[in-house]
Amino acid sequence: LYDWMALLSPAFPSPDLIHTLMAPHIGPHAQDVLDVGIGTGLSSLPFLRDGYQITGVDGCDAMLKQCFEKGISKDLLQVDFTRAALPFLHGEFDAAFCANTLYLMPETAQHRVV
């Protein structure tokens, strides 16, 4: 239900648009992509189709379960962005994106994610 509502919302950029905007900035040998606020994995689908390994973090366990069940990523981690920084090292991923998530967070959490 969430995916359909998101795709029908004019405020939600399409996964293909996100991919099109990011693709020129991802190096030719990139493999690992981090989706911050992965939710059900909808925005990661075009990256998965291109063969990237997706790692996802989200604050909602139910959304992560849907993402896992859809086979988008096996590397999923529940993180409360309002309380903790992302548990990854600088440069651990070839690319990262955060779609439709930052505006939902308090400003202090936004700074930790970015």
PDB file of N, CA and C in Angstrom:
ATOM      1  N   LEU A   1       0.820  -1.189   0.000  1.00  0.00           N
ATOM      2  CA  LEU A   1       0.000   0.000   0.000  1.00  0.00           C
ATOM      3  C   LEU A   1       0.870   1.261   0.000  1.00  0.00           C
ATOM      4  N   TYR A   2       1.912   1.265   0.835  1.00  0.00           N
ATOM      5  CA  TYR A   2       2.789   2.438   0.913  1.00  0.00           C
ATOM      6  C   TYR A   2       3.395   2.763  -0.449  1.00  0.00           C
ATOM      7  N   ASP A   3       3.889   1.756  -1.145  1.00  0.00           N
ATOM      8  CA  ASP A   3       4.526   1.988  -2.443  1.00  0.00           C
ATOM      9  C   ASP A   3       3.562   2.616  -3.439  1.00  0.00           C
ATOM     10  N   TRP A   4       2.332   2.122  -3.480  1.00  0.00           N
ATOM     11  CA  TRP A   4       1.352   2.676  -4.412  1.00  0.00           C
ATOM     12  C   TRP A   4       1.006   4.111  -4.063  1.00  0.00           C
ATOM     13  N   MET A   5       0.847   4.384  -2.785  1.00  0.00           N
ATOM     14  CA  MET A   5       0.542   5.749  -2.363  1.00  0.00           C
ATOM     15  C   MET A   5       1.697   6.686  -2.706  1.00  0.00           C
ATOM     16  N   ALA A   6       2.915   6.224  -2.494  1.00  0.00           N
ATOM     17  CA  ALA A   6       4.080   7.051  -2.799  1.00  0.00           C
ATOM     18  C   ALA A   6       4.178   7.335  -4.293  1.00  0.00           C
ATOM     19  N   LEU A   7       3.959   6.320  -5.099  1.00  0.00           N
ATOM     20  CA  LEU A   7       4.068   6.505  -6.548  1.00  0.00           C
ATOM     21  C   LEU A   7       2.978   7.427  -7.095  1.00  0.00           C
ATOM     22  N   LEU A   8       1.841   7.459  -6.441  1.00  0.00           N
ATOM     23  CA  LEU A   8       0.747   8.305  -6.901  1.00  0.00           C
ATOM     24  C   LEU A   8       0.840   9.737  -6.383  1.00  0.00           C
ATOM     25  N   SER A   9       1.682   9.965  -5.399  1.00  0.00           N
ATOM     26  CA  SER A   9       1.810  11.293  -4.811  1.00  0.00           C
ATOM     27  C   SER A   9       2.687  12.188  -5.694  1.00  0.00           C
ATOM     28  N   PRO A  10       2.194  13.381  -6.037  1.00  0.00           N
ATOM     29  CA  PRO A  10       3.011  14.295  -6.843  1.00  0.00           C
ATOM     30  C   PRO A  10       4.219  14.825  -6.078  1.00  0.00           C
ATOM     31  N   ALA A  11       4.209  14.709  -4.755  1.00  0.00           N
ATOM     32  CA  ALA A  11       5.329  15.194  -3.945  1.00  0.00           C
ATOM     33  C   ALA A  11       6.467  14.179  -3.853  1.00  0.00           C
ATOM     34  N   PHE A  12       6.236  12.965  -4.280  1.00  0.00           N
ATOM     35  CA  PHE A  12       7.229  11.889  -4.162  1.00  0.00           C
ATOM     36  C   PHE A  12       7.957  11.736  -5.488  1.00  0.00           C
ATOM     37  N   PRO A  13       9.275  12.053  -5.529  1.00  0.00           N
ATOM     38  CA  PRO A  13       9.992  11.857  -6.790  1.00  0.00           C
ATOM     39  C   PRO A  13      10.076  10.368  -7.134  1.00  0.00           C
ATOM     40  N   SER A  14       9.895  10.052  -8.381  1.00  0.00           N
ATOM     41  CA  SER A  14       9.883   8.648  -8.782  1.00  0.00           C
ATOM     42  C   SER A  14      11.258   8.019  -8.588  1.00  0.00           C
ATOM     43  N   PRO A  15      11.293   6.716  -8.318  1.00  0.00           N
ATOM     44  CA  PRO A  15      12.568   6.023  -8.199  1.00  0.00           C
ATOM     45  C   PRO A  15      13.440   6.184  -9.450  1.00  0.00           C
ATOM     46  N   ASP A  16      12.820   6.178 -10.623  1.00  0.00           N
ATOM     47  CA  ASP A  16      13.599   6.346 -11.858  1.00  0.00           C
ATOM     48  C   ASP A  16      14.211   7.741 -11.943  1.00  0.00           C
ATOM     49  N   LEU A  17      13.507   8.755 -11.467  1.00  0.00           N
ATOM     50  CA  LEU A  17      14.057  10.113 -11.458  1.00  0.00           C
ATOM     51  C   LEU A  17      15.254  10.195 -10.524  1.00  0.00           C
ATOM     52  N   ILE A  18      15.130   9.623  -9.345  1.00  0.00           N
ATOM     53  CA  ILE A  18      16.246   9.609  -8.393  1.00  0.00           C
ATOM     54  C   ILE A  18      17.455   8.928  -9.025  1.00  0.00           C
ATOM     55  N   HIS A  19      17.233   7.795  -9.655  1.00  0.00           N
ATOM     56  CA  HIS A  19      18.304   7.055 -10.308  1.00  0.00           C
ATOM     57  C   HIS A  19      18.929   7.874 -11.436  1.00  0.00           C
ATOM     58  N   THR A  20      18.109   8.493 -12.252  1.00  0.00           N
ATOM     59  CA  THR A  20      18.609   9.297 -13.373  1.00  0.00           C
ATOM     60  C   THR A  20      19.475  10.457 -12.881  1.00  0.00           C
ATOM     61  N   LEU A  21      19.068  11.085 -11.790  1.00  0.00           N
ATOM     62  CA  LEU A  21      19.836  12.200 -11.246  1.00  0.00           C
ATOM     63  C   LEU A  21      21.151  11.740 -10.621  1.00  0.00           C
ATOM     64  N   MET A  22      21.153  10.560 -10.021  1.00  0.00           N
ATOM     65  CA  MET A  22      22.363  10.067  -9.343  1.00  0.00           C
ATOM     66  C   MET A  22      23.347   9.361 -10.260  1.00  0.00           C
ATOM     67  N   ALA A  23      22.852   8.681 -11.274  1.00  0.00           N
ATOM     68  CA  ALA A  23      23.698   7.822 -12.113  1.00  0.00           C
ATOM     69  C   ALA A  23      24.961   8.510 -12.636  1.00  0.00           C
ATOM     70  N   PRO A  24      24.896   9.750 -13.111  1.00  0.00           N
ATOM     71  CA  PRO A  24      26.123  10.380 -13.624  1.00  0.00           C
ATOM     72  C   PRO A  24      27.189  10.622 -12.552  1.00  0.00           C
ATOM     73  N   HIS A  25      26.800  10.547 -11.284  1.00  0.00           N
ATOM     74  CA  HIS A  25      27.732  10.829 -10.190  1.00  0.00           C
ATOM     75  C   HIS A  25      28.290   9.566  -9.544  1.00  0.00           C
ATOM     76  N   ILE A  26      27.902   8.420 -10.061  1.00  0.00           N
ATOM     77  CA  ILE A  26      28.388   7.147  -9.524  1.00  0.00           C
ATOM     78  C   ILE A  26      29.490   6.645 -10.442  1.00  0.00           C
ATOM     79  N   GLY A  27      30.627   6.326  -9.865  1.00  0.00           N
ATOM     80  CA  GLY A  27      31.776   5.884 -10.655  1.00  0.00           C
ATOM     81  C   GLY A  27      31.513   4.596 -11.409  1.00  0.00           C
ATOM     82  N   PRO A  28      32.305   4.350 -12.462  1.00  0.00           N
ATOM     83  CA  PRO A  28      32.078   3.173 -13.314  1.00  0.00           C
ATOM     84  C   PRO A  28      32.327   1.835 -12.610  1.00  0.00           C
ATOM     85  N   HIS A  29      33.086   1.844 -11.527  1.00  0.00           N
ATOM     86  CA  HIS A  29      33.385   0.587 -10.829  1.00  0.00           C
ATOM     87  C   HIS A  29      32.626   0.468  -9.509  1.00  0.00           C
ATOM     88  N   ALA A  30      31.661   1.326  -9.313  1.00  0.00           N
ATOM     89  CA  ALA A  30      30.885   1.320  -8.072  1.00  0.00           C
ATOM     90  C   ALA A  30      30.068   0.041  -7.948  1.00  0.00           C
ATOM     91  N   GLN A  31      29.941  -0.423  -6.717  1.00  0.00           N
ATOM     92  CA  GLN A  31      29.150  -1.622  -6.448  1.00  0.00           C
ATOM     93  C   GLN A  31      28.186  -1.444  -5.287  1.00  0.00           C
ATOM     94  N   ASP A  32      28.611  -0.701  -4.279  1.00  0.00           N
ATOM     95  CA  ASP A  32      27.857  -0.629  -3.033  1.00  0.00           C
ATOM     96  C   ASP A  32      27.159   0.720  -2.878  1.00  0.00           C
ATOM     97  N   VAL A  33      25.834   0.664  -2.720  1.00  0.00           N
ATOM     98  CA  VAL A  33      25.019   1.870  -2.573  1.00  0.00           C
ATOM     99  C   VAL A  33      24.280   1.813  -1.239  1.00  0.00           C
ATOM    100  N   LEU A  34      24.328   2.917  -0.513  1.00  0.00           N
ATOM    101  CA  LEU A  34      23.609   3.039   0.749  1.00  0.00           C
ATOM    102  C   LEU A  34      22.352   3.867   0.529  1.00  0.00           C
ATOM    103  N   ASP A  35      21.217   3.327   0.937  1.00  0.00           N
ATOM    104  CA  ASP A  35      19.946   4.037   0.886  1.00  0.00           C
ATOM    105  C   ASP A  35      19.558   4.380   2.316  1.00  0.00           C
ATOM    106  N   VAL A  36      19.681   5.665   2.661  1.00  0.00           N
ATOM    107  CA  VAL A  36      19.350   6.134   4.004  1.00  0.00           C
ATOM    108  C   VAL A  36      17.857   6.451   4.034  1.00  0.00           C
ATOM    109  N   GLY A  37      17.142   5.725   4.863  1.00  0.00           N
ATOM    110  CA  GLY A  37      15.684   5.845   4.883  1.00  0.00           C
ATOM    111  C   GLY A  37      15.068   4.960   3.817  1.00  0.00           C
ATOM    112  N   ILE A  38      15.591   3.752   3.688  1.00  0.00           N
ATOM    113  CA  ILE A  38      15.204   2.842   2.604  1.00  0.00           C
ATOM    114  C   ILE A  38      13.721   2.473   2.627  1.00  0.00           C
ATOM    115  N   GLY A  39      13.111   2.474   3.794  1.00  0.00           N
ATOM    116  CA  GLY A  39      11.691   2.113   3.870  1.00  0.00           C
ATOM    117  C   GLY A  39      11.431   0.756   3.249  1.00  0.00           C
ATOM    118  N   THR A  40      10.507   0.690   2.316  1.00  0.00           N
ATOM    119  CA  THR A  40      10.171  -0.567   1.641  1.00  0.00           C
ATOM    120  C   THR A  40      11.119  -0.891   0.495  1.00  0.00           C
ATOM    121  N   GLY A  41      12.064   0.010   0.227  1.00  0.00           N
ATOM    122  CA  GLY A  41      13.039  -0.227  -0.834  1.00  0.00           C
ATOM    123  C   GLY A  41      12.660   0.332  -2.186  1.00  0.00           C
ATOM    124  N   LEU A  42      11.546   1.004  -2.275  1.00  0.00           N
ATOM    125  CA  LEU A  42      11.035   1.491  -3.551  1.00  0.00           C
ATOM    126  C   LEU A  42      12.075   2.297  -4.339  1.00  0.00           C
ATOM    127  N   SER A  43      12.740   3.238  -3.689  1.00  0.00           N
ATOM    128  CA  SER A  43      13.695   4.096  -4.403  1.00  0.00           C
ATOM    129  C   SER A  43      14.976   3.367  -4.799  1.00  0.00           C
ATOM    130  N   SER A  44      15.226   2.216  -4.201  1.00  0.00           N
ATOM    131  CA  SER A  44      16.423   1.439  -4.531  1.00  0.00           C
ATOM    132  C   SER A  44      16.249   0.514  -5.732  1.00  0.00           C
ATOM    133  N   LEU A  45      15.012   0.298  -6.147  1.00  0.00           N
ATOM    134  CA  LEU A  45      14.760  -0.662  -7.234  1.00  0.00           C
ATOM    135  C   LEU A  45      15.581  -0.408  -8.496  1.00  0.00           C
ATOM    136  N   PRO A  46      15.672   0.824  -9.018  1.00  0.00           N
ATOM    137  CA  PRO A  46      16.472   1.026 -10.233  1.00  0.00           C
ATOM    138  C   PRO A  46      17.962   0.713 -10.026  1.00  0.00           C
ATOM    139  N   PHE A  47      18.468   0.963  -8.824  1.00  0.00           N
ATOM    140  CA  PHE A  47      19.866   0.659  -8.535  1.00  0.00           C
ATOM    141  C   PHE A  47      20.081  -0.862  -8.472  1.00  0.00           C
ATOM    142  N   LEU A  48      19.134  -1.559  -7.894  1.00  0.00           N
ATOM    143  CA  LEU A  48      19.186  -3.021  -7.837  1.00  0.00           C
ATOM    144  C   LEU A  48      19.171  -3.602  -9.244  1.00  0.00           C
ATOM    145  N   ARG A  49      18.311  -3.059 -10.103  1.00  0.00           N
ATOM    146  CA  ARG A  49      18.238  -3.541 -11.492  1.00  0.00           C
ATOM    147  C   ARG A  49      19.558  -3.325 -12.238  1.00  0.00           C
ATOM    148  N   ASP A  50      20.303  -2.286 -11.850  1.00  0.00           N
ATOM    149  CA  ASP A  50      21.605  -2.024 -12.470  1.00  0.00           C
ATOM    150  C   ASP A  50      22.715  -2.887 -11.881  1.00  0.00           C
ATOM    151  N   GLY A  51      22.396  -3.705 -10.893  1.00  0.00           N
ATOM    152  CA  GLY A  51      23.374  -4.640 -10.347  1.00  0.00           C
ATOM    153  C   GLY A  51      24.112  -4.164  -9.115  1.00  0.00           C
ATOM    154  N   TYR A  52      23.721  -3.034  -8.545  1.00  0.00           N
ATOM    155  CA  TYR A  52      24.377  -2.552  -7.332  1.00  0.00           C
ATOM    156  C   TYR A  52      23.941  -3.379  -6.133  1.00  0.00           C
ATOM    157  N   GLN A  53      24.844  -3.487  -5.150  1.00  0.00           N
ATOM    158  CA  GLN A  53      24.524  -4.095  -3.870  1.00  0.00           C
ATOM    159  C   GLN A  53      23.948  -2.986  -2.996  1.00  0.00           C
ATOM    160  N   ILE A  54      22.772  -3.190  -2.477  1.00  0.00           N
ATOM    161  CA  ILE A  54      22.085  -2.167  -1.709  1.00  0.00           C
ATOM    162  C   ILE A  54      22.198  -2.474  -0.217  1.00  0.00           C
ATOM    163  N   THR A  55      22.590  -1.470   0.547  1.00  0.00           N
ATOM    164  CA  THR A  55      22.514  -1.518   1.998  1.00  0.00           C
ATOM    165  C   THR A  55      21.503  -0.458   2.401  1.00  0.00           C
ATOM    166  N   GLY A  56      20.615  -0.801   3.306  1.00  0.00           N
ATOM    167  CA  GLY A  56      19.587   0.151   3.686  1.00  0.00           C
ATOM    168  C   GLY A  56      19.482   0.328   5.181  1.00  0.00           C
ATOM    169  N   VAL A  57      19.206   1.556   5.574  1.00  0.00           N
ATOM    170  CA  VAL A  57      18.926   1.862   6.976  1.00  0.00           C
ATOM    171  C   VAL A  57      17.595   2.608   7.044  1.00  0.00           C
ATOM    172  N   ASP A  58      16.857   2.346   8.106  1.00  0.00           N
ATOM    173  CA  ASP A  58      15.570   3.004   8.292  1.00  0.00           C
ATOM    174  C   ASP A  58      15.207   2.895   9.765  1.00  0.00           C
ATOM    175  N   GLY A  59      14.339   3.771  10.210  1.00  0.00           N
ATOM    176  CA  GLY A  59      13.906   3.743  11.593  1.00  0.00           C
ATOM    177  C   GLY A  59      12.728   2.835  11.855  1.00  0.00           C
ATOM    178  N   CYS A  60      12.097   2.345  10.800  1.00  0.00           N
ATOM    179  CA  CYS A  60      10.860   1.565  10.948  1.00  0.00           C
ATOM    180  C   CYS A  60      11.094   0.091  10.622  1.00  0.00           C
ATOM    181  N   ASP A  61      10.982  -0.737  11.628  1.00  0.00           N
ATOM    182  CA  ASP A  61      11.205  -2.171  11.462  1.00  0.00           C
ATOM    183  C   ASP A  61      10.224  -2.800  10.469  1.00  0.00           C
ATOM    184  N   ALA A  62       8.967  -2.354  10.483  1.00  0.00           N
ATOM    185  CA  ALA A  62       7.955  -2.921   9.578  1.00  0.00           C
ATOM    186  C   ALA A  62       8.311  -2.630   8.111  1.00  0.00           C
ATOM    187  N   MET A  63       8.825  -1.439   7.844  1.00  0.00           N
ATOM    188  CA  MET A  63       9.234  -1.105   6.471  1.00  0.00           C
ATOM    189  C   MET A  63      10.440  -1.946   6.060  1.00  0.00           C
ATOM    190  N   LEU A  64      11.399  -2.091   6.958  1.00  0.00           N
ATOM    191  CA  LEU A  64      12.579  -2.911   6.652  1.00  0.00           C
ATOM    192  C   LEU A  64      12.181  -4.360   6.360  1.00  0.00           C
ATOM    193  N   LYS A  65      11.201  -4.858   7.077  1.00  0.00           N
ATOM    194  CA  LYS A  65      10.721  -6.223   6.835  1.00  0.00           C
ATOM    195  C   LYS A  65      10.157  -6.340   5.423  1.00  0.00           C
ATOM    196  N   GLN A  66       9.373  -5.354   4.986  1.00  0.00           N
ATOM    197  CA  GLN A  66       8.836  -5.370   3.625  1.00  0.00           C
ATOM    198  C   GLN A  66       9.962  -5.326   2.596  1.00  0.00           C
ATOM    199  N   CYS A  67      10.954  -4.492   2.859  1.00  0.00           N
ATOM    200  CA  CYS A  67      12.090  -4.377   1.947  1.00  0.00           C
ATOM    201  C   CYS A  67      12.816  -5.723   1.819  1.00  0.00           C
ATOM    202  N   PHE A  68      13.046  -6.365   2.939  1.00  0.00           N
ATOM    203  CA  PHE A  68      13.708  -7.670   2.950  1.00  0.00           C
ATOM    204  C   PHE A  68      12.881  -8.703   2.192  1.00  0.00           C
ATOM    205  N   GLU A  69      11.575  -8.714   2.446  1.00  0.00           N
ATOM    206  CA  GLU A  69      10.696  -9.685   1.792  1.00  0.00           C
ATOM    207  C   GLU A  69      10.625  -9.468   0.284  1.00  0.00           C
ATOM    208  N   LYS A  70      10.820  -8.245  -0.175  1.00  0.00           N
ATOM    209  CA  LYS A  70      10.825  -7.951  -1.611  1.00  0.00           C
ATOM    210  C   LYS A  70      12.170  -8.297  -2.255  1.00  0.00           C
ATOM    211  N   GLY A  71      13.162  -8.668  -1.437  1.00  0.00           N
ATOM    212  CA  GLY A  71      14.455  -9.078  -1.976  1.00  0.00           C
ATOM    213  C   GLY A  71      15.341  -7.933  -2.444  1.00  0.00           C
ATOM    214  N   ILE A  72      15.066  -6.743  -1.993  1.00  0.00           N
ATOM    215  CA  ILE A  72      15.845  -5.588  -2.433  1.00  0.00           C
ATOM    216  C   ILE A  72      17.204  -5.566  -1.760  1.00  0.00           C
ATOM    217  N   SER A  73      17.240  -5.949  -0.494  1.00  0.00           N
ATOM    218  CA  SER A  73      18.514  -5.978   0.219  1.00  0.00           C
ATOM    219  C   SER A  73      18.440  -6.958   1.371  1.00  0.00           C
ATOM    220  N   LYS A  74      19.544  -7.608   1.625  1.00  0.00           N
ATOM    221  CA  LYS A  74      19.681  -8.458   2.807  1.00  0.00           C
ATOM    222  C   LYS A  74      20.435  -7.693   3.901  1.00  0.00           C
ATOM    223  N   ASP A  75      21.076  -6.586   3.499  1.00  0.00           N
ATOM    224  CA  ASP A  75      21.862  -5.773   4.424  1.00  0.00           C
ATOM    225  C   ASP A  75      21.028  -4.588   4.884  1.00  0.00           C
ATOM    226  N   LEU A  76      20.200  -4.833   5.880  1.00  0.00           N
ATOM    227  CA  LEU A  76      19.290  -3.818   6.387  1.00  0.00           C
ATOM    228  C   LEU A  76      19.517  -3.622   7.878  1.00  0.00           C
ATOM    229  N   LEU A  77      19.456  -2.367   8.288  1.00  0.00           N
ATOM    230  CA  LEU A  77      19.720  -2.043   9.680  1.00  0.00           C
ATOM    231  C   LEU A  77      18.718  -1.013  10.168  1.00  0.00           C
ATOM    232  N   GLN A  78      18.128  -1.290  11.323  1.00  0.00           N
ATOM    233  CA  GLN A  78      17.212  -0.314  11.908  1.00  0.00           C
ATOM    234  C   GLN A  78      18.025   0.684  12.719  1.00  0.00           C
ATOM    235  N   VAL A  79      17.864   1.967  12.401  1.00  0.00           N
ATOM    236  CA  VAL A  79      18.598   3.035  13.071  1.00  0.00           C
ATOM    237  C   VAL A  79      17.620   4.161  13.406  1.00  0.00           C
ATOM    238  N   ASP A  80      17.658   4.616  14.631  1.00  0.00           N
ATOM    239  CA  ASP A  80      16.878   5.783  15.034  1.00  0.00           C
ATOM    240  C   ASP A  80      17.740   7.010  14.761  1.00  0.00           C
ATOM    241  N   PHE A  81      17.486   7.673  13.648  1.00  0.00           N
ATOM    242  CA  PHE A  81      18.305   8.811  13.228  1.00  0.00           C
ATOM    243  C   PHE A  81      18.234   9.975  14.215  1.00  0.00           C
ATOM    244  N   THR A  82      17.190  10.008  15.033  1.00  0.00           N
ATOM    245  CA  THR A  82      17.068  11.105  15.984  1.00  0.00           C
ATOM    246  C   THR A  82      17.980  10.916  17.187  1.00  0.00           C
ATOM    247  N   ARG A  83      18.533   9.724  17.338  1.00  0.00           N
ATOM    248  CA  ARG A  83      19.358   9.439  18.514  1.00  0.00           C
ATOM    249  C   ARG A  83      20.790   9.020  18.194  1.00  0.00           C
ATOM    250  N   ALA A  84      21.037   8.573  16.974  1.00  0.00           N
ATOM    251  CA  ALA A  84      22.358   8.015  16.679  1.00  0.00           C
ATOM    252  C   ALA A  84      22.813   8.400  15.277  1.00  0.00           C
ATOM    253  N   ALA A  85      24.110   8.477  15.123  1.00  0.00           N
ATOM    254  CA  ALA A  85      24.694   8.702  13.799  1.00  0.00           C
ATOM    255  C   ALA A  85      24.657   7.385  13.022  1.00  0.00           C
ATOM    256  N   LEU A  86      24.840   7.467  11.719  1.00  0.00           N
ATOM    257  CA  LEU A  86      24.888   6.246  10.910  1.00  0.00           C
ATOM    258  C   LEU A  86      26.134   5.449  11.296  1.00  0.00           C
ATOM    259  N   PRO A  87      26.009   4.136  11.433  1.00  0.00           N
ATOM    260  CA  PRO A  87      27.116   3.311  11.925  1.00  0.00           C
ATOM    261  C   PRO A  87      28.068   2.823  10.826  1.00  0.00           C
ATOM    262  N   PHE A  88      28.444   3.719   9.940  1.00  0.00           N
ATOM    263  CA  PHE A  88      29.316   3.334   8.833  1.00  0.00           C
ATOM    264  C   PHE A  88      30.538   4.238   8.792  1.00  0.00           C
ATOM    265  N   LEU A  89      31.613   3.724   8.248  1.00  0.00           N
ATOM    266  CA  LEU A  89      32.834   4.510   8.085  1.00  0.00           C
ATOM    267  C   LEU A  89      32.749   5.377   6.841  1.00  0.00           C
ATOM    268  N   HIS A  90      33.424   6.505   6.874  1.00  0.00           N
ATOM    269  CA  HIS A  90      33.507   7.372   5.700  1.00  0.00           C
ATOM    270  C   HIS A  90      34.119   6.572   4.543  1.00  0.00           C
ATOM    271  N   GLY A  91      33.507   6.619   3.390  1.00  0.00           N
ATOM    272  CA  GLY A  91      34.022   5.914   2.219  1.00  0.00           C
ATOM    273  C   GLY A  91      33.646   4.452   2.138  1.00  0.00           C
ATOM    274  N   GLU A  92      32.820   3.984   3.049  1.00  0.00           N
ATOM    275  CA  GLU A  92      32.436   2.569   3.057  1.00  0.00           C
ATOM    276  C   GLU A  92      31.560   2.208   1.852  1.00  0.00           C
ATOM    277  N   PHE A  93      30.870   3.202   1.292  1.00  0.00           N
ATOM    278  CA  PHE A  93      29.989   2.974   0.152  1.00  0.00           C
ATOM    279  C   PHE A  93      30.458   3.799  -1.042  1.00  0.00           C
ATOM    280  N   ASP A  94      30.171   3.286  -2.224  1.00  0.00           N
ATOM    281  CA  ASP A  94      30.530   4.001  -3.449  1.00  0.00           C
ATOM    282  C   ASP A  94      29.575   5.154  -3.718  1.00  0.00           C
ATOM    283  N   ALA A  95      28.357   5.029  -3.235  1.00  0.00           N
ATOM    284  CA  ALA A  95      27.352   6.072  -3.402  1.00  0.00           C
ATOM    285  C   ALA A  95      26.332   5.928  -2.278  1.00  0.00           C
ATOM    286  N   ALA A  96      25.681   7.036  -1.964  1.00  0.00           N
ATOM    287  CA  ALA A  96      24.627   7.024  -0.951  1.00  0.00           C
ATOM    288  C   ALA A  96      23.570   8.040  -1.343  1.00  0.00           C
ATOM    289  N   PHE A  97      22.339   7.731  -0.987  1.00  0.00           N
ATOM    290  CA  PHE A  97      21.278   8.695  -1.214  1.00  0.00           C
ATOM    291  C   PHE A  97      20.230   8.588  -0.114  1.00  0.00           C
ATOM    292  N   CYS A  98      19.470   9.645   0.002  1.00  0.00           N
ATOM    293  CA  CYS A  98      18.442   9.742   1.019  1.00  0.00           C
ATOM    294  C   CYS A  98      17.237  10.386   0.348  1.00  0.00           C
ATOM    295  N   ALA A  99      16.255   9.593  -0.016  1.00  0.00           N
ATOM    296  CA  ALA A  99      15.093  10.099  -0.757  1.00  0.00           C
ATOM    297  C   ALA A  99      13.864  10.148   0.140  1.00  0.00           C
ATOM    298  N   ASN A 100      13.227  11.295   0.171  1.00  0.00           N
ATOM    299  CA  ASN A 100      11.956  11.450   0.887  1.00  0.00           C
ATOM    300  C   ASN A 100      12.054  11.124   2.366  1.00  0.00           C
ATOM    301  N   THR A 101      13.164  11.497   2.973  1.00  0.00           N
ATOM    302  CA  THR A 101      13.382  11.148   4.370  1.00  0.00           C
ATOM    303  C   THR A 101      13.799  12.340   5.217  1.00  0.00           C
ATOM    304  N   LEU A 102      14.732  13.127   4.741  1.00  0.00           N
ATOM    305  CA  LEU A 102      15.302  14.196   5.568  1.00  0.00           C
ATOM    306  C   LEU A 102      14.258  15.158   6.104  1.00  0.00           C
ATOM    307  N   TYR A 103      13.297  15.508   5.295  1.00  0.00           N
ATOM    308  CA  TYR A 103      12.304  16.489   5.739  1.00  0.00           C
ATOM    309  C   TYR A 103      11.426  15.965   6.880  1.00  0.00           C
ATOM    310  N   LEU A 104      11.447  14.662   7.113  1.00  0.00           N
ATOM    311  CA  LEU A 104      10.677  14.077   8.202  1.00  0.00           C
ATOM    312  C   LEU A 104      11.434  14.092   9.534  1.00  0.00           C
ATOM    313  N   MET A 105      12.730  14.419   9.481  1.00  0.00           N
ATOM    314  CA  MET A 105      13.576  14.356  10.669  1.00  0.00           C
ATOM    315  C   MET A 105      13.759  15.728  11.302  1.00  0.00           C
ATOM    316  N   PRO A 106      13.987  15.741  12.615  1.00  0.00           N
ATOM    317  CA  PRO A 106      14.376  17.001  13.245  1.00  0.00           C
ATOM    318  C   PRO A 106      15.713  17.475  12.651  1.00  0.00           C
ATOM    319  N   GLU A 107      15.952  18.761  12.699  1.00  0.00           N
ATOM    320  CA  GLU A 107      17.163  19.326  12.096  1.00  0.00           C
ATOM    321  C   GLU A 107      18.444  18.713  12.649  1.00  0.00           C
ATOM    322  N   THR A 108      18.486  18.422  13.942  1.00  0.00           N
ATOM    323  CA  THR A 108      19.689  17.820  14.525  1.00  0.00           C
ATOM    324  C   THR A 108      19.975  16.455  13.913  1.00  0.00           C
ATOM    325  N   ALA A 109      18.940  15.690  13.644  1.00  0.00           N
ATOM    326  CA  ALA A 109      19.111  14.378  13.015  1.00  0.00           C
ATOM    327  C   ALA A 109      19.555  14.537  11.567  1.00  0.00           C
ATOM    328  N   GLN A 110      19.054  15.548  10.870  1.00  0.00           N
ATOM    329  CA  GLN A 110      19.444  15.791   9.479  1.00  0.00           C
ATOM    330  C   GLN A 110      20.961  15.986   9.387  1.00  0.00           C
ATOM    331  N   HIS A 111      21.523  16.701  10.314  1.00  0.00           N
ATOM    332  CA  HIS A 111      22.974  16.946  10.285  1.00  0.00           C
ATOM    333  C   HIS A 111      23.763  15.656  10.503  1.00  0.00           C
ATOM    334  N   ARG A 112      23.251  14.765  11.328  1.00  0.00           N
ATOM    335  CA  ARG A 112      23.949  13.478  11.549  1.00  0.00           C
ATOM    336  C   ARG A 112      23.921  12.623  10.274  1.00  0.00           C
ATOM    337  N   VAL A 113      22.824  12.676   9.553  1.00  0.00           N
ATOM    338  CA  VAL A 113      22.696  11.848   8.349  1.00  0.00           C
ATOM    339  C   VAL A 113      23.553  12.391   7.224  1.00  0.00           C
ATOM    340  N   VAL A 114      23.506  13.697   7.024  1.00  0.00           N
ATOM    341  CA  VAL A 114      24.253  14.304   5.927  1.00  0.00           C
ATOM    342  C   VAL A 114      25.712  14.304   6.272  1.00  0.00           C
TER     343      VAL A 114
END
